Amino acid sequence: VWTAEFAPDGVRVCTASDDCTAKIWDAESGECMNTLAARGHGCVFSASFSQDGMWVSTIDEDRTLKLWDAESGECIKILGCDGEVSCGEFSPSQSVS
């Protein structure tokens, strides 16, 4: 596991791992609520919740940023990067473009 971050509600934790997944966990029970499986190759360096907890962003070794629906686990957007990226955060406006 590379990173772990609590959701703003304190009920969930997202983790990023070198097994090509990010996971959302129930912070109290430790149960895996959702697995966000990367479609690329390599590890997931970073996973973080949006300020409202509705979205999770991941930064992957394949030089992509993926935006996920935190409830359904669906990947809704993939952005490619020209160079190496190891972490990312949501902007305060939380806009998705």
C-alpha atoms as a PDB file:
ATOM      1  CA  VAL A   1       0.000   0.000   0.000  1.00  0.00           C
ATOM      2  CA  TRP A   2       1.462   3.331  -1.113  1.00  0.00           C
ATOM      3  CA  THR A   3      -1.109   5.724   0.361  1.00  0.00           C
ATOM      4  CA  ALA A   4      -4.176   5.700   2.584  1.00  0.00           C
ATOM      5  CA  GLU A   5      -6.618   8.567   3.096  1.00  0.00           C
ATOM      6  CA  PHE A   6      -9.811   8.987   5.096  1.00  0.00           C
ATOM      7  CA  ALA A   7     -12.919  10.271   3.366  1.00  0.00           C
ATOM      8  CA  PRO A   8     -14.264  13.563   4.720  1.00  0.00           C
ATOM      9  CA  ASP A   9     -17.034  11.627   6.517  1.00  0.00           C
ATOM     10  CA  GLY A  10     -14.425   9.587   8.433  1.00  0.00           C
ATOM     11  CA  VAL A  11     -16.342   6.390   7.624  1.00  0.00           C
ATOM     12  CA  ARG A  12     -14.279   5.253   4.609  1.00  0.00           C
ATOM     13  CA  VAL A  13     -10.592   4.980   3.744  1.00  0.00           C
ATOM     14  CA  CYS A  14      -9.135   4.726   0.236  1.00  0.00           C
ATOM     15  CA  THR A  15      -5.811   3.039  -0.415  1.00  0.00           C
ATOM     16  CA  ALA A  16      -3.490   2.885  -3.422  1.00  0.00           C
ATOM     17  CA  SER A  17      -1.390  -0.214  -3.989  1.00  0.00           C
ATOM     18  CA  ASP A  18       1.187  -1.824  -6.243  1.00  0.00           C
ATOM     19  CA  ASP A  19      -1.288  -4.627  -7.062  1.00  0.00           C
ATOM     20  CA  CYS A  20      -2.859  -2.331  -9.738  1.00  0.00           C
ATOM     21  CA  THR A  21      -5.826  -1.416  -7.520  1.00  0.00           C
ATOM     22  CA  ALA A  22      -7.172   1.273  -5.293  1.00  0.00           C
ATOM     23  CA  LYS A  23      -9.641   0.157  -2.650  1.00  0.00           C
ATOM     24  CA  ILE A  24     -12.288   1.809  -0.553  1.00  0.00           C
ATOM     25  CA  TRP A  25     -12.583   0.375   2.951  1.00  0.00           C
ATOM     26  CA  ASP A  26     -15.067   0.677   5.785  1.00  0.00           C
ATOM     27  CA  ALA A  27     -12.936   2.377   8.443  1.00  0.00           C
ATOM     28  CA  GLU A  28     -14.732   0.713  11.341  1.00  0.00           C
ATOM     29  CA  SER A  29     -15.105  -2.886  10.145  1.00  0.00           C
ATOM     30  CA  GLY A  30     -12.091  -3.035   7.808  1.00  0.00           C
ATOM     31  CA  GLU A  31     -14.305  -4.531   5.084  1.00  0.00           C
ATOM     32  CA  CYS A  32     -13.424  -3.727   1.477  1.00  0.00           C
ATOM     33  CA  MET A  33     -16.387  -1.787   0.084  1.00  0.00           C
ATOM     34  CA  ASN A  34     -15.107  -1.358  -3.469  1.00  0.00           C
ATOM     35  CA  THR A  35     -12.084  -2.235  -5.602  1.00  0.00           C
ATOM     36  CA  LEU A  36     -11.099   0.309  -8.233  1.00  0.00           C
ATOM     37  CA  ALA A  37      -9.200  -1.819 -10.731  1.00  0.00           C
ATOM     38  CA  ALA A  38      -6.771   0.097 -12.907  1.00  0.00           C
ATOM     39  CA  ARG A  39      -7.122  -0.528 -16.622  1.00  0.00           C
ATOM     40  CA  GLY A  40      -3.482   0.217 -17.308  1.00  0.00           C
ATOM     41  CA  HIS A  41      -0.334  -1.462 -16.168  1.00  0.00           C
ATOM     42  CA  GLY A  42       1.581  -1.100 -12.947  1.00  0.00           C
ATOM     43  CA  CYS A  43       0.861   0.174  -9.506  1.00  0.00           C
ATOM     44  CA  VAL A  44      -1.523   2.846  -8.311  1.00  0.00           C
ATOM     45  CA  PHE A  45       0.648   5.512  -6.645  1.00  0.00           C
ATOM     46  CA  SER A  46      -2.033   7.677  -5.093  1.00  0.00           C
ATOM     47  CA  ALA A  47      -5.752   7.639  -4.266  1.00  0.00           C
ATOM     48  CA  SER A  48      -7.679  10.495  -2.724  1.00  0.00           C
ATOM     49  CA  PHE A  49     -11.270  11.467  -2.002  1.00  0.00           C
ATOM     50  CA  SER A  50     -12.897  14.660  -3.216  1.00  0.00           C
ATOM     51  CA  GLN A  51     -13.964  17.144  -0.538  1.00  0.00           C
ATOM     52  CA  ASP A  52     -17.543  15.837  -0.650  1.00  0.00           C
ATOM     53  CA  GLY A  53     -16.462  12.171  -0.688  1.00  0.00           C
ATOM     54  CA  MET A  54     -18.350  11.422  -3.917  1.00  0.00           C
ATOM     55  CA  TRP A  55     -15.254  10.893  -6.079  1.00  0.00           C
ATOM     56  CA  VAL A  56     -11.865   9.213  -5.837  1.00  0.00           C
ATOM     57  CA  SER A  57      -8.926  10.158  -8.024  1.00  0.00           C
ATOM     58  CA  THR A  58      -6.066   7.774  -8.683  1.00  0.00           C
ATOM     59  CA  ILE A  59      -2.621   8.345 -10.171  1.00  0.00           C
ATOM     60  CA  ASP A  60      -1.287   5.261 -11.903  1.00  0.00           C
ATOM     61  CA  GLU A  61       2.121   4.097 -13.057  1.00  0.00           C
ATOM     62  CA  ASP A  62       0.818   4.130 -16.642  1.00  0.00           C
ATOM     63  CA  ARG A  63       0.838   7.970 -16.422  1.00  0.00           C
ATOM     64  CA  THR A  64      -2.910   8.381 -16.082  1.00  0.00           C
ATOM     65  CA  LEU A  65      -5.167  10.122 -13.634  1.00  0.00           C
ATOM     66  CA  LYS A  66      -8.463   8.304 -13.256  1.00  0.00           C
ATOM     67  CA  LEU A  67     -11.629   9.709 -11.719  1.00  0.00           C
ATOM     68  CA  TRP A  68     -13.921   7.183 -10.030  1.00  0.00           C
ATOM     69  CA  ASP A  69     -17.429   7.279  -8.601  1.00  0.00           C
ATOM     70  CA  ALA A  70     -16.760   6.391  -4.943  1.00  0.00           C
ATOM     71  CA  GLU A  71     -20.138   4.673  -4.514  1.00  0.00           C
ATOM     72  CA  SER A  72     -20.328   2.536  -7.660  1.00  0.00           C
ATOM     73  CA  GLY A  73     -16.589   2.105  -8.344  1.00  0.00           C
ATOM     74  CA  GLU A  74     -17.123   3.123 -11.968  1.00  0.00           C
ATOM     75  CA  CYS A  75     -14.231   4.858 -13.734  1.00  0.00           C
ATOM     76  CA  ILE A  76     -15.790   7.967 -15.266  1.00  0.00           C
ATOM     77  CA  LYS A  77     -12.785   9.793 -16.694  1.00  0.00           C
ATOM     78  CA  ILE A  78      -9.185   9.008 -17.691  1.00  0.00           C
ATOM     79  CA  LEU A  79      -6.633  11.750 -18.272  1.00  0.00           C
ATOM     80  CA  GLY A  80      -3.227  11.018 -19.749  1.00  0.00           C
ATOM     81  CA  CYS A  81      -0.052  12.734 -18.572  1.00  0.00           C
ATOM     82  CA  ASP A  82       3.079  13.376 -20.614  1.00  0.00           C
ATOM     83  CA  GLY A  83       5.520  12.844 -17.781  1.00  0.00           C
ATOM     84  CA  GLU A  84       5.701  10.978 -14.498  1.00  0.00           C
ATOM     85  CA  VAL A  85       3.113  11.862 -11.869  1.00  0.00           C
ATOM     86  CA  SER A  86       3.115  10.429  -8.366  1.00  0.00           C
ATOM     87  CA  CYS A  87       0.263  12.235  -6.599  1.00  0.00           C
ATOM     88  CA  GLY A  88      -2.708  14.498  -7.178  1.00  0.00           C
ATOM     89  CA  GLU A  89      -5.457  16.338  -5.318  1.00  0.00           C
ATOM     90  CA  PHE A  90      -8.877  17.770  -6.062  1.00  0.00           C
ATOM     91  CA  SER A  91      -9.199  21.512  -6.512  1.00  0.00           C
ATOM     92  CA  PRO A  92     -11.434  23.332  -3.997  1.00  0.00           C
ATOM     93  CA  SER A  93     -14.015  23.913  -6.764  1.00  0.00           C
ATOM     94  CA  GLN A  94     -14.178  20.141  -7.455  1.00  0.00           C
ATOM     95  CA  SER A  95     -14.908  20.876 -11.100  1.00  0.00           C
ATOM     96  CA  VAL A  96     -14.528  18.003 -13.537  1.00  0.00           C
ATOM     97  CA  SER A  97     -13.672  19.003 -17.091  1.00  0.00           C
END
